[in-house]
Amino acid sequence: MISYDTPQVVAQKVDYIKNTHLGGAMWWETSGDKPANSSESLINIAAQGLGGYEGKTMEKQLNCLEYPFSKYDNLKAGMPNE
């Protein structure tokens, strides 16, 4: 099964996120989204609805996950060159 959201559904999800004080939104797969400068970009609709880019109300921080005991060398090393 393949499903997708529409701009209207994303706007409803943003309202839900804000009304229930959740921490944000995420996506499993983004290659089918419109370009970020498009008014139909689902990611842009969510980002703008949650406060916008440019450090307004969204936290802009690098991923800080660490897996020092992973059996995978790339995870153990902090995903270099990624």
PDB file of N, CA and C in Angstrom:
ATOM      1  N   MET A   1       0.825  -1.170   0.000  1.00  0.00           N
ATOM      2  CA  MET A   1       0.000   0.000   0.000  1.00  0.00           C
ATOM      3  C   MET A   1       0.879   1.247   0.000  1.00  0.00           C
ATOM      4  N   ILE A   2       0.513   2.201  -0.786  1.00  0.00           N
ATOM      5  CA  ILE A   2       1.194   3.492  -0.819  1.00  0.00           C
ATOM      6  C   ILE A   2       0.170   4.552  -0.453  1.00  0.00           C
ATOM      7  N   SER A   3       0.554   5.414   0.444  1.00  0.00           N
ATOM      8  CA  SER A   3      -0.333   6.519   0.808  1.00  0.00           C
ATOM      9  C   SER A   3       0.479   7.797   0.866  1.00  0.00           C
ATOM     10  N   TYR A   4      -0.188   8.914   0.830  1.00  0.00           N
ATOM     11  CA  TYR A   4       0.504  10.192   0.901  1.00  0.00           C
ATOM     12  C   TYR A   4      -0.432  11.231   1.491  1.00  0.00           C
ATOM     13  N   ASP A   5       0.149  12.295   1.992  1.00  0.00           N
ATOM     14  CA  ASP A   5      -0.626  13.403   2.533  1.00  0.00           C
ATOM     15  C   ASP A   5      -0.804  14.475   1.476  1.00  0.00           C
ATOM     16  N   THR A   6      -1.784  15.304   1.682  1.00  0.00           N
ATOM     17  CA  THR A   6      -1.998  16.487   0.852  1.00  0.00           C
ATOM     18  C   THR A   6      -1.603  17.707   1.675  1.00  0.00           C
ATOM     19  N   PRO A   7      -1.433  18.851   1.046  1.00  0.00           N
ATOM     20  CA  PRO A   7      -1.130  20.058   1.822  1.00  0.00           C
ATOM     21  C   PRO A   7      -2.171  20.325   2.919  1.00  0.00           C
ATOM     22  N   GLN A   8      -3.436  20.053   2.643  1.00  0.00           N
ATOM     23  CA  GLN A   8      -4.483  20.277   3.634  1.00  0.00           C
ATOM     24  C   GLN A   8      -4.326  19.327   4.824  1.00  0.00           C
ATOM     25  N   VAL A   9      -3.979  18.083   4.561  1.00  0.00           N
ATOM     26  CA  VAL A   9      -3.784  17.114   5.641  1.00  0.00           C
ATOM     27  C   VAL A   9      -2.584  17.513   6.494  1.00  0.00           C
ATOM     28  N   VAL A  10      -1.519  17.955   5.866  1.00  0.00           N
ATOM     29  CA  VAL A  10      -0.341  18.384   6.625  1.00  0.00           C
ATOM     30  C   VAL A  10      -0.688  19.579   7.512  1.00  0.00           C
ATOM     31  N   ALA A  11      -1.472  20.514   7.006  1.00  0.00           N
ATOM     32  CA  ALA A  11      -1.893  21.664   7.812  1.00  0.00           C
ATOM     33  C   ALA A  11      -2.708  21.193   9.021  1.00  0.00           C
ATOM     34  N   GLN A  12      -3.561  20.196   8.830  1.00  0.00           N
ATOM     35  CA  GLN A  12      -4.330  19.642   9.953  1.00  0.00           C
ATOM     36  C   GLN A  12      -3.409  18.963  10.959  1.00  0.00           C
ATOM     37  N   LYS A  13      -2.396  18.249  10.463  1.00  0.00           N
ATOM     38  CA  LYS A  13      -1.441  17.592  11.358  1.00  0.00           C
ATOM     39  C   LYS A  13      -0.632  18.620  12.150  1.00  0.00           C
ATOM     40  N   VAL A  14      -0.276  19.724  11.513  1.00  0.00           N
ATOM     41  CA  VAL A  14       0.442  20.791  12.212  1.00  0.00           C
ATOM     42  C   VAL A  14      -0.431  21.354  13.332  1.00  0.00           C
ATOM     43  N   ASP A  15      -1.705  21.576  13.049  1.00  0.00           N
ATOM     44  CA  ASP A  15      -2.615  22.053  14.098  1.00  0.00           C
ATOM     45  C   ASP A  15      -2.670  21.057  15.258  1.00  0.00           C
ATOM     46  N   TYR A  16      -2.739  19.777  14.936  1.00  0.00           N
ATOM     47  CA  TYR A  16      -2.773  18.742  15.971  1.00  0.00           C
ATOM     48  C   TYR A  16      -1.483  18.762  16.804  1.00  0.00           C
ATOM     49  N   ILE A  17      -0.356  18.862  16.138  1.00  0.00           N
ATOM     50  CA  ILE A  17       0.942  18.914  16.830  1.00  0.00           C
ATOM     51  C   ILE A  17       0.972  20.087  17.803  1.00  0.00           C
ATOM     52  N   LYS A  18       0.517  21.248  17.338  1.00  0.00           N
ATOM     53  CA  LYS A  18       0.527  22.437  18.190  1.00  0.00           C
ATOM     54  C   LYS A  18      -0.484  22.323  19.330  1.00  0.00           C
ATOM     55  N   ASN A  19      -1.676  21.840  19.044  1.00  0.00           N
ATOM     56  CA  ASN A  19      -2.730  21.750  20.060  1.00  0.00           C
ATOM     57  C   ASN A  19      -2.418  20.727  21.146  1.00  0.00           C
ATOM     58  N   THR A  20      -1.658  19.698  20.801  1.00  0.00           N
ATOM     59  CA  THR A  20      -1.331  18.662  21.782  1.00  0.00           C
ATOM     60  C   THR A  20       0.085  18.820  22.341  1.00  0.00           C
ATOM     61  N   HIS A  21       0.754  19.899  21.943  1.00  0.00           N
ATOM     62  CA  HIS A  21       2.091  20.242  22.448  1.00  0.00           C
ATOM     63  C   HIS A  21       3.113  19.137  22.182  1.00  0.00           C
ATOM     64  N   LEU A  22       3.031  18.544  21.005  1.00  0.00           N
ATOM     65  CA  LEU A  22       4.039  17.552  20.615  1.00  0.00           C
ATOM     66  C   LEU A  22       5.328  18.270  20.221  1.00  0.00           C
ATOM     67  N   GLY A  23       6.395  17.507  20.060  1.00  0.00           N
ATOM     68  CA  GLY A  23       7.699  18.106  19.806  1.00  0.00           C
ATOM     69  C   GLY A  23       7.992  18.470  18.371  1.00  0.00           C
ATOM     70  N   GLY A  24       7.227  18.000  17.406  1.00  0.00           N
ATOM     71  CA  GLY A  24       7.514  18.317  16.022  1.00  0.00           C
ATOM     72  C   GLY A  24       6.962  17.280  15.075  1.00  0.00           C
ATOM     73  N   ALA A  25       7.458  17.298  13.861  1.00  0.00           N
ATOM     74  CA  ALA A  25       7.009  16.391  12.808  1.00  0.00           C
ATOM     75  C   ALA A  25       8.206  15.667  12.219  1.00  0.00           C
ATOM     76  N   MET A  26       7.942  14.540  11.561  1.00  0.00           N
ATOM     77  CA  MET A  26       9.022  13.801  10.891  1.00  0.00           C
ATOM     78  C   MET A  26       8.462  13.080   9.679  1.00  0.00           C
ATOM     79  N   TRP A  27       9.353  12.636   8.820  1.00  0.00           N
ATOM     80  CA  TRP A  27       8.971  11.938   7.602  1.00  0.00           C
ATOM     81  C   TRP A  27       9.811  10.689   7.459  1.00  0.00           C
ATOM     82  N   TRP A  28       9.207   9.642   6.940  1.00  0.00           N
ATOM     83  CA  TRP A  28       9.967   8.422   6.638  1.00  0.00           C
ATOM     84  C   TRP A  28      10.681   8.566   5.311  1.00  0.00           C
ATOM     85  N   GLU A  29      10.033   9.226   4.366  1.00  0.00           N
ATOM     86  CA  GLU A  29      10.568   9.289   3.012  1.00  0.00           C
ATOM     87  C   GLU A  29      10.188  10.636   2.420  1.00  0.00           C
ATOM     88  N   THR A  30      11.139  11.337   1.826  1.00  0.00           N
ATOM     89  CA  THR A  30      10.868  12.701   1.375  1.00  0.00           C
ATOM     90  C   THR A  30      11.088  12.939  -0.119  1.00  0.00           C
ATOM     91  N   SER A  31      11.493  11.932  -0.859  1.00  0.00           N
ATOM     92  CA  SER A  31      11.851  12.168  -2.264  1.00  0.00           C
ATOM     93  C   SER A  31      10.664  12.553  -3.129  1.00  0.00           C
ATOM     94  N   GLY A  32       9.452  12.280  -2.684  1.00  0.00           N
ATOM     95  CA  GLY A  32       8.280  12.630  -3.481  1.00  0.00           C
ATOM     96  C   GLY A  32       7.727  14.007  -3.191  1.00  0.00           C
ATOM     97  N   ASP A  33       8.358  14.739  -2.272  1.00  0.00           N
ATOM     98  CA  ASP A  33       7.861  16.068  -1.925  1.00  0.00           C
ATOM     99  C   ASP A  33       8.190  17.063  -3.030  1.00  0.00           C
ATOM    100  N   LYS A  34       7.431  18.127  -3.082  1.00  0.00           N
ATOM    101  CA  LYS A  34       7.698  19.224  -4.020  1.00  0.00           C
ATOM    102  C   LYS A  34       8.937  19.980  -3.537  1.00  0.00           C
ATOM    103  N   PRO A  35       9.541  20.814  -4.394  1.00  0.00           N
ATOM    104  CA  PRO A  35      10.694  21.609  -3.952  1.00  0.00           C
ATOM    105  C   PRO A  35      10.323  22.485  -2.756  1.00  0.00           C
ATOM    106  N   ALA A  36      11.287  22.770  -1.907  1.00  0.00           N
ATOM    107  CA  ALA A  36      11.041  23.501  -0.656  1.00  0.00           C
ATOM    108  C   ALA A  36      10.410  24.870  -0.886  1.00  0.00           C
ATOM    109  N   ASN A  37      10.662  25.501  -2.036  1.00  0.00           N
ATOM    110  CA  ASN A  37      10.097  26.833  -2.283  1.00  0.00           C
ATOM    111  C   ASN A  37       8.695  26.770  -2.888  1.00  0.00           C
ATOM    112  N   SER A  38       8.157  25.565  -3.044  1.00  0.00           N
ATOM    113  CA  SER A  38       6.803  25.397  -3.582  1.00  0.00           C
ATOM    114  C   SER A  38       5.765  25.545  -2.474  1.00  0.00           C
ATOM    115  N   SER A  39       4.642  26.164  -2.800  1.00  0.00           N
ATOM    116  CA  SER A  39       3.567  26.296  -1.812  1.00  0.00           C
ATOM    117  C   SER A  39       2.912  24.951  -1.515  1.00  0.00           C
ATOM    118  N   GLU A  40       3.240  23.932  -2.300  1.00  0.00           N
ATOM    119  CA  GLU A  40       2.693  22.591  -2.086  1.00  0.00           C
ATOM    120  C   GLU A  40       3.690  21.631  -1.434  1.00  0.00           C
ATOM    121  N   SER A  41       4.851  22.120  -1.053  1.00  0.00           N
ATOM    122  CA  SER A  41       5.836  21.281  -0.373  1.00  0.00           C
ATOM    123  C   SER A  41       5.305  20.925   1.004  1.00  0.00           C
ATOM    124  N   LEU A  42       5.124  19.635   1.247  1.00  0.00           N
ATOM    125  CA  LEU A  42       4.587  19.192   2.533  1.00  0.00           C
ATOM    126  C   LEU A  42       5.533  19.531   3.681  1.00  0.00           C
ATOM    127  N   ILE A  43       6.812  19.368   3.455  1.00  0.00           N
ATOM    128  CA  ILE A  43       7.788  19.687   4.490  1.00  0.00           C
ATOM    129  C   ILE A  43       7.784  21.183   4.788  1.00  0.00           C
ATOM    130  N   ASN A  44       7.715  21.999   3.752  1.00  0.00           N
ATOM    131  CA  ASN A  44       7.690  23.450   3.955  1.00  0.00           C
ATOM    132  C   ASN A  44       6.418  23.874   4.680  1.00  0.00           C
ATOM    133  N   ILE A  45       5.286  23.288   4.338  1.00  0.00           N
ATOM    134  CA  ILE A  45       4.034  23.615   5.023  1.00  0.00           C
ATOM    135  C   ILE A  45       4.151  23.296   6.510  1.00  0.00           C
ATOM    136  N   ALA A  46       4.698  22.134   6.824  1.00  0.00           N
ATOM    137  CA  ALA A  46       4.861  21.752   8.226  1.00  0.00           C
ATOM    138  C   ALA A  46       5.865  22.671   8.922  1.00  0.00           C
ATOM    139  N   ALA A  47       6.989  22.928   8.299  1.00  0.00           N
ATOM    140  CA  ALA A  47       8.013  23.773   8.920  1.00  0.00           C
ATOM    141  C   ALA A  47       7.489  25.182   9.172  1.00  0.00           C
ATOM    142  N   GLN A  48       6.827  25.767   8.185  1.00  0.00           N
ATOM    143  CA  GLN A  48       6.293  27.116   8.358  1.00  0.00           C
ATOM    144  C   GLN A  48       5.186  27.136   9.410  1.00  0.00           C
ATOM    145  N   GLY A  49       4.353  26.099   9.410  1.00  0.00           N
ATOM    146  CA  GLY A  49       3.273  26.026  10.384  1.00  0.00           C
ATOM    147  C   GLY A  49       3.769  25.859  11.805  1.00  0.00           C
ATOM    148  N   LEU A  50       4.943  25.268  11.955  1.00  0.00           N
ATOM    149  CA  LEU A  50       5.517  25.054  13.284  1.00  0.00           C
ATOM    150  C   LEU A  50       6.466  26.170  13.703  1.00  0.00           C
ATOM    151  N   GLY A  51       6.545  27.213  12.924  1.00  0.00           N
ATOM    152  CA  GLY A  51       7.357  28.355  13.348  1.00  0.00           C
ATOM    153  C   GLY A  51       8.328  28.878  12.319  1.00  0.00           C
ATOM    154  N   GLY A  52       8.567  28.141  11.282  1.00  0.00           N
ATOM    155  CA  GLY A  52       9.429  28.633  10.216  1.00  0.00           C
ATOM    156  C   GLY A  52      10.902  28.337  10.404  1.00  0.00           C
ATOM    157  N   TYR A  53      11.636  28.613   9.355  1.00  0.00           N
ATOM    158  CA  TYR A  53      13.079  28.403   9.332  1.00  0.00           C
ATOM    159  C   TYR A  53      13.793  29.629   9.887  1.00  0.00           C
ATOM    160  N   GLU A  54      15.058  29.687   9.704  1.00  0.00           N
ATOM    161  CA  GLU A  54      15.879  30.841  10.046  1.00  0.00           C
ATOM    162  C   GLU A  54      15.939  31.112  11.551  1.00  0.00           C
ATOM    163  N   GLY A  55      15.792  30.068  12.357  1.00  0.00           N
ATOM    164  CA  GLY A  55      15.966  30.224  13.788  1.00  0.00           C
ATOM    165  C   GLY A  55      14.838  30.947  14.503  1.00  0.00           C
ATOM    166  N   LYS A  56      13.674  31.047  13.887  1.00  0.00           N
ATOM    167  CA  LYS A  56      12.559  31.747  14.544  1.00  0.00           C
ATOM    168  C   LYS A  56      12.141  30.975  15.785  1.00  0.00           C
ATOM    169  N   THR A  57      11.441  29.872  15.620  1.00  0.00           N
ATOM    170  CA  THR A  57      11.053  29.084  16.787  1.00  0.00           C
ATOM    171  C   THR A  57      11.459  27.624  16.654  1.00  0.00           C
ATOM    172  N   MET A  58      12.025  27.266  15.525  1.00  0.00           N
ATOM    173  CA  MET A  58      12.451  25.883  15.344  1.00  0.00           C
ATOM    174  C   MET A  58      13.908  25.743  15.755  1.00  0.00           C
ATOM    175  N   GLU A  59      14.187  24.691  16.486  1.00  0.00           N
ATOM    176  CA  GLU A  59      15.565  24.433  16.895  1.00  0.00           C
ATOM    177  C   GLU A  59      16.341  23.930  15.690  1.00  0.00           C
ATOM    178  N   LYS A  60      17.496  24.488  15.476  1.00  0.00           N
ATOM    179  CA  LYS A  60      18.346  24.071  14.365  1.00  0.00           C
ATOM    180  C   LYS A  60      19.635  23.536  14.966  1.00  0.00           C
ATOM    181  N   GLN A  61      19.741  22.207  15.032  1.00  0.00           N
ATOM    182  CA  GLN A  61      20.869  21.594  15.705  1.00  0.00           C
ATOM    183  C   GLN A  61      21.242  20.310  14.986  1.00  0.00           C
ATOM    184  N   LEU A  62      22.516  20.017  14.942  1.00  0.00           N
ATOM    185  CA  LEU A  62      22.967  18.775  14.339  1.00  0.00           C
ATOM    186  C   LEU A  62      22.518  17.585  15.184  1.00  0.00           C
ATOM    187  N   ASN A  63      22.374  16.451  14.560  1.00  0.00           N
ATOM    188  CA  ASN A  63      22.026  15.228  15.255  1.00  0.00           C
ATOM    189  C   ASN A  63      23.126  14.916  16.269  1.00  0.00           C
ATOM    190  N   CYS A  64      22.735  14.622  17.482  1.00  0.00           N
ATOM    191  CA  CYS A  64      23.748  14.375  18.520  1.00  0.00           C
ATOM    192  C   CYS A  64      23.670  12.948  19.070  1.00  0.00           C
ATOM    193  N   LEU A  65      23.205  12.018  18.262  1.00  0.00           N
ATOM    194  CA  LEU A  65      23.138  10.629  18.699  1.00  0.00           C
ATOM    195  C   LEU A  65      24.529  10.019  18.694  1.00  0.00           C
ATOM    196  N   GLU A  66      24.800   9.206  19.695  1.00  0.00           N
ATOM    197  CA  GLU A  66      26.094   8.534  19.778  1.00  0.00           C
ATOM    198  C   GLU A  66      25.870   7.056  20.053  1.00  0.00           C
ATOM    199  N   TYR A  67      26.644   6.226  19.414  1.00  0.00           N
ATOM    200  CA  TYR A  67      26.558   4.778  19.582  1.00  0.00           C
ATOM    201  C   TYR A  67      27.955   4.197  19.787  1.00  0.00           C
ATOM    202  N   PRO A  68      28.605   4.526  20.891  1.00  0.00           N
ATOM    203  CA  PRO A  68      29.991   4.099  21.082  1.00  0.00           C
ATOM    204  C   PRO A  68      30.159   2.584  21.221  1.00  0.00           C
ATOM    205  N   PHE A  69      29.082   1.864  21.507  1.00  0.00           N
ATOM    206  CA  PHE A  69      29.196   0.420  21.694  1.00  0.00           C
ATOM    207  C   PHE A  69      28.586  -0.376  20.544  1.00  0.00           C
ATOM    208  N   SER A  70      28.300   0.290  19.435  1.00  0.00           N
ATOM    209  CA  SER A  70      27.710  -0.379  18.283  1.00  0.00           C
ATOM    210  C   SER A  70      28.684  -1.398  17.695  1.00  0.00           C
ATOM    211  N   LYS A  71      28.146  -2.453  17.132  1.00  0.00           N
ATOM    212  CA  LYS A  71      29.004  -3.418  16.446  1.00  0.00           C
ATOM    213  C   LYS A  71      29.385  -2.926  15.052  1.00  0.00           C
ATOM    214  N   TYR A  72      28.756  -1.824  14.599  1.00  0.00           N
ATOM    215  CA  TYR A  72      29.040  -1.265  13.277  1.00  0.00           C
ATOM    216  C   TYR A  72      30.029  -0.121  13.402  1.00  0.00           C
ATOM    217  N   ASP A  73      31.150  -0.230  12.711  1.00  0.00           N
ATOM    218  CA  ASP A  73      32.222   0.756  12.829  1.00  0.00           C
ATOM    219  C   ASP A  73      31.769   2.164  12.456  1.00  0.00           C
ATOM    220  N   ASN A  74      30.920   2.291  11.413  1.00  0.00           N
ATOM    221  CA  ASN A  74      30.501   3.634  10.998  1.00  0.00           C
ATOM    222  C   ASN A  74      29.639   4.303  12.076  1.00  0.00           C
ATOM    223  N   LEU A  75      28.774   3.549  12.753  1.00  0.00           N
ATOM    224  CA  LEU A  75      27.977   4.121  13.843  1.00  0.00           C
ATOM    225  C   LEU A  75      28.854   4.453  15.039  1.00  0.00           C
ATOM    226  N   LYS A  76      29.758   3.546  15.347  1.00  0.00           N
ATOM    227  CA  LYS A  76      30.668   3.743  16.481  1.00  0.00           C
ATOM    228  C   LYS A  76      31.500   5.018  16.271  1.00  0.00           C
ATOM    229  N   ALA A  77      31.878   5.276  15.031  1.00  0.00           N
ATOM    230  CA  ALA A  77      32.722   6.433  14.728  1.00  0.00           C
ATOM    231  C   ALA A  77      31.908   7.713  14.539  1.00  0.00           C
ATOM    232  N   GLY A  78      30.585   7.669  14.682  1.00  0.00           N
ATOM    233  CA  GLY A  78      29.783   8.871  14.564  1.00  0.00           C
ATOM    234  C   GLY A  78      29.371   9.222  13.144  1.00  0.00           C
ATOM    235  N   MET A  79      29.318   8.233  12.284  1.00  0.00           N
ATOM    236  CA  MET A  79      28.901   8.401  10.887  1.00  0.00           C
ATOM    237  C   MET A  79      29.771   9.414  10.128  1.00  0.00           C
ATOM    238  N   PRO A  80      31.074   9.220  10.120  1.00  0.00           N
ATOM    239  CA  PRO A  80      31.939  10.149   9.383  1.00  0.00           C
ATOM    240  C   PRO A  80      31.618  10.129   7.895  1.00  0.00           C
ATOM    241  N   ASN A  81      31.791  11.233   7.264  1.00  0.00           N
ATOM    242  CA  ASN A  81      31.564  11.387   5.813  1.00  0.00           C
ATOM    243  C   ASN A  81      30.097  11.220   5.430  1.00  0.00           C
ATOM    244  N   GLU A  82      29.200  11.357   6.351  1.00  0.00           N
ATOM    245  CA  GLU A  82      27.767  11.242   6.046  1.00  0.00           C
ATOM    246  C   GLU A  82      27.149  12.610   5.988  1.00  0.00           C
TER     247      GLU A  82
END
